[in-house]
Amino acid sequence: MTDRLQQSPFIGLIDDDGHSAHLFMRMLAANDGPSVRHYGDEVEGLAELAGELSDPRSHWPDLLVVDLKGHSNANVEFVRRHQAWLHQKGVAVVVMVPPTSRAVRMMYHEAGAAAVFFRQPEVNAYRHELAAITDFWARSERLDAVGM
């Protein structure tokens, strides 16, 4: 068995707000969710993730949650620029955005996002959204990542 298969699968997070990233990780941990690795903002996160993905011996996420708040199109621009090469490595990209219309959600899907989740202001709604991310991750996980 390779080292990659012996390591536990996890969710990657690129978030340009440290407090938001901490809340995301803390809320998943408190609810027995999967491990999360915060890569940082777009620039530092992409550099670190690209390094991992270029090394076949390293361990990388199967799901990357992108929650960029720098400007209104930051998430969709990230997905458009990076989804193809991440997909080649088996990394699904999902985004977290403020609650929005179906038309805007479709824009994310057309850009290549595997799913769109809402950044909820209320704690129970946020917990529910994180549970949905965990469910999505569990359903879309590659079989080789779980030892099959």
Protein backbone atom coordinates (compact mmCIF):
# COMPACT_ATOMS: atom_id res chain seq x y z
CA MET A 1 0.00 0.00 0.00
CA THR A 2 1.37 3.43 -0.88
CA ASP A 3 1.84 6.27 1.56
CA ARG A 4 -0.92 8.22 -0.20
CA LEU A 5 -3.46 5.48 0.53
CA GLN A 6 -2.40 5.21 4.15
CA GLN A 7 -3.09 8.89 4.86
CA SER A 8 -6.52 10.09 5.87
CA PRO A 9 -8.48 12.04 3.26
CA PHE A 10 -9.18 15.68 4.04
CA ILE A 11 -10.81 18.81 2.69
CA GLY A 12 -8.65 21.69 1.47
CA LEU A 13 -9.67 25.29 2.07
CA ILE A 14 -8.58 28.46 0.32
CA ASP A 15 -10.00 31.39 2.24
CA ASP A 16 -8.68 34.93 2.36
CA ASP A 17 -10.23 35.60 5.78
CA GLY A 18 -8.38 33.90 8.62
CA HIS A 19 -11.31 34.23 11.03
CA SER A 20 -13.68 32.65 8.51
CA ALA A 21 -11.23 29.80 7.88
CA HIS A 22 -10.84 29.19 11.61
CA LEU A 23 -14.62 29.10 12.05
CA PHE A 24 -14.98 26.65 9.14
CA MET A 25 -12.37 24.28 10.59
CA ARG A 26 -13.60 24.60 14.18
CA MET A 27 -17.24 23.99 13.22
CA LEU A 28 -16.39 20.86 11.21
CA ALA A 29 -14.19 19.50 14.00
CA ALA A 30 -16.89 20.15 16.63
CA ASN A 31 -19.40 18.19 14.54
CA ASP A 32 -17.12 15.19 13.84
CA GLY A 33 -16.49 16.35 10.29
CA PRO A 34 -13.45 15.54 8.17
CA SER A 35 -10.06 17.11 8.69
CA VAL A 36 -9.51 20.45 6.97
CA ARG A 37 -6.28 21.99 5.79
CA HIS A 38 -6.34 25.76 5.34
CA TYR A 39 -3.93 26.65 2.55
CA GLY A 40 -4.31 30.39 3.05
CA ASP A 41 -5.47 33.01 0.59
CA GLU A 42 -5.46 32.59 -3.17
CA VAL A 43 -1.79 33.41 -3.75
CA GLU A 44 -0.15 31.51 -0.89
CA GLY A 45 -2.73 28.73 -1.03
CA LEU A 46 -2.21 28.08 -4.72
CA ALA A 47 1.56 28.06 -4.33
CA GLU A 48 1.38 25.46 -1.56
CA LEU A 49 -1.27 23.37 -3.29
CA ALA A 50 0.62 23.42 -6.60
CA GLY A 51 3.71 22.16 -4.80
CA GLU A 52 1.77 19.28 -3.28
CA LEU A 53 0.09 18.39 -6.55
CA SER A 54 3.41 18.30 -8.40
CA ASP A 55 4.79 15.69 -6.01
CA PRO A 56 3.16 12.27 -6.55
CA ARG A 57 4.29 11.20 -3.07
CA SER A 58 2.48 14.01 -1.30
CA HIS A 59 -1.03 13.92 0.10
CA TRP A 60 -3.56 16.36 -1.31
CA PRO A 61 -7.27 17.02 -0.80
CA ASP A 62 -10.01 15.43 -2.86
CA LEU A 63 -12.18 18.50 -2.35
CA LEU A 64 -11.09 22.13 -2.32
CA VAL A 65 -13.46 24.67 -0.80
CA VAL A 66 -12.86 28.19 -2.12
CA ASP A 67 -14.21 31.11 -0.10
CA LEU A 68 -12.63 34.30 -1.43
CA LYS A 69 -14.07 37.63 -0.42
CA GLY A 70 -11.57 40.02 -2.04
CA HIS A 71 -14.14 41.20 -4.60
CA SER A 72 -17.48 40.02 -5.92
CA ASN A 73 -16.04 37.86 -8.72
CA ALA A 74 -13.05 36.42 -6.83
CA ASN A 75 -14.53 32.92 -6.49
CA VAL A 76 -15.73 32.59 -10.07
CA GLU A 77 -12.41 33.90 -11.41
CA PHE A 78 -10.54 31.38 -9.27
CA VAL A 79 -12.69 28.52 -10.57
CA ARG A 80 -12.29 29.63 -14.20
CA ARG A 81 -8.51 29.84 -13.88
CA HIS A 82 -7.80 26.72 -11.86
CA GLN A 83 -10.59 24.14 -12.12
CA ALA A 84 -9.15 22.30 -15.15
CA TRP A 85 -5.70 21.52 -13.72
CA LEU A 86 -7.16 20.73 -10.29
CA HIS A 87 -9.66 18.36 -11.91
CA GLN A 88 -6.78 16.58 -13.69
CA LYS A 89 -5.36 15.79 -10.24
CA GLY A 90 -8.72 14.56 -8.92
CA VAL A 91 -9.47 17.66 -6.86
CA ALA A 92 -13.08 18.85 -7.06
CA VAL A 93 -13.54 22.60 -6.53
CA VAL A 94 -16.57 23.94 -4.67
CA VAL A 95 -17.28 27.52 -3.68
CA MET A 96 -18.86 29.23 -0.69
CA VAL A 97 -20.74 32.41 -1.54
CA PRO A 98 -23.35 34.60 0.11
CA PRO A 99 -26.91 33.37 -0.57
CA THR A 100 -27.61 34.21 -4.19
CA SER A 101 -29.92 33.55 -7.12
CA ARG A 102 -30.08 30.45 -9.27
CA ALA A 103 -28.63 32.40 -12.22
CA VAL A 104 -25.53 33.32 -10.21
CA ARG A 105 -25.15 29.73 -8.96
CA MET A 106 -25.30 28.56 -12.58
CA MET A 107 -22.46 30.96 -13.42
CA TYR A 108 -20.28 29.11 -10.89
CA HIS A 109 -21.28 25.73 -12.30
CA GLU A 110 -20.58 26.89 -15.85
CA ALA A 111 -17.13 28.06 -14.71
CA GLY A 112 -16.46 24.51 -13.46
CA ALA A 113 -17.43 24.49 -9.78
CA ALA A 114 -18.59 21.04 -8.71
CA ALA A 115 -21.02 22.62 -6.22
CA VAL A 116 -22.02 25.95 -4.72
CA PHE A 117 -22.64 26.35 -1.00
CA PHE A 118 -23.88 29.39 0.88
CA ARG A 119 -21.95 31.35 3.48
CA GLN A 120 -24.72 31.58 6.08
CA PRO A 121 -24.71 34.31 8.76
CA GLU A 122 -26.77 32.34 11.30
CA VAL A 123 -24.91 29.59 13.23
CA ASN A 124 -27.39 26.74 12.75
CA ALA A 125 -27.77 27.52 9.05
CA TYR A 126 -23.97 27.63 8.71
CA ARG A 127 -23.67 24.28 10.51
CA HIS A 128 -26.27 22.81 8.12
CA GLU A 129 -24.31 24.13 5.12
CA LEU A 130 -21.08 22.60 6.42
CA ALA A 131 -22.90 19.29 6.86
CA ALA A 132 -23.93 19.55 3.21
CA ILE A 133 -20.28 20.12 2.22
CA THR A 134 -19.28 17.06 4.25
CA ASP A 135 -22.01 14.99 2.57
CA PHE A 136 -20.89 16.18 -0.86
CA TRP A 137 -17.26 15.36 -0.03
CA ALA A 138 -18.17 11.87 1.22
CA ARG A 139 -20.27 11.11 -1.87
CA SER A 140 -17.68 12.36 -4.34
CA GLU A 141 -14.55 10.95 -2.71
CA ARG A 142 -12.38 8.84 -5.01
CA LEU A 143 -12.37 5.14 -4.21
CA ASP A 144 -8.57 5.03 -4.16
CA ALA A 145 -8.64 7.64 -1.39
CA VAL A 146 -10.59 5.27 0.85
CA GLY A 147 -8.49 2.19 0.09
CA MET A 148 -10.65 0.53 -2.56
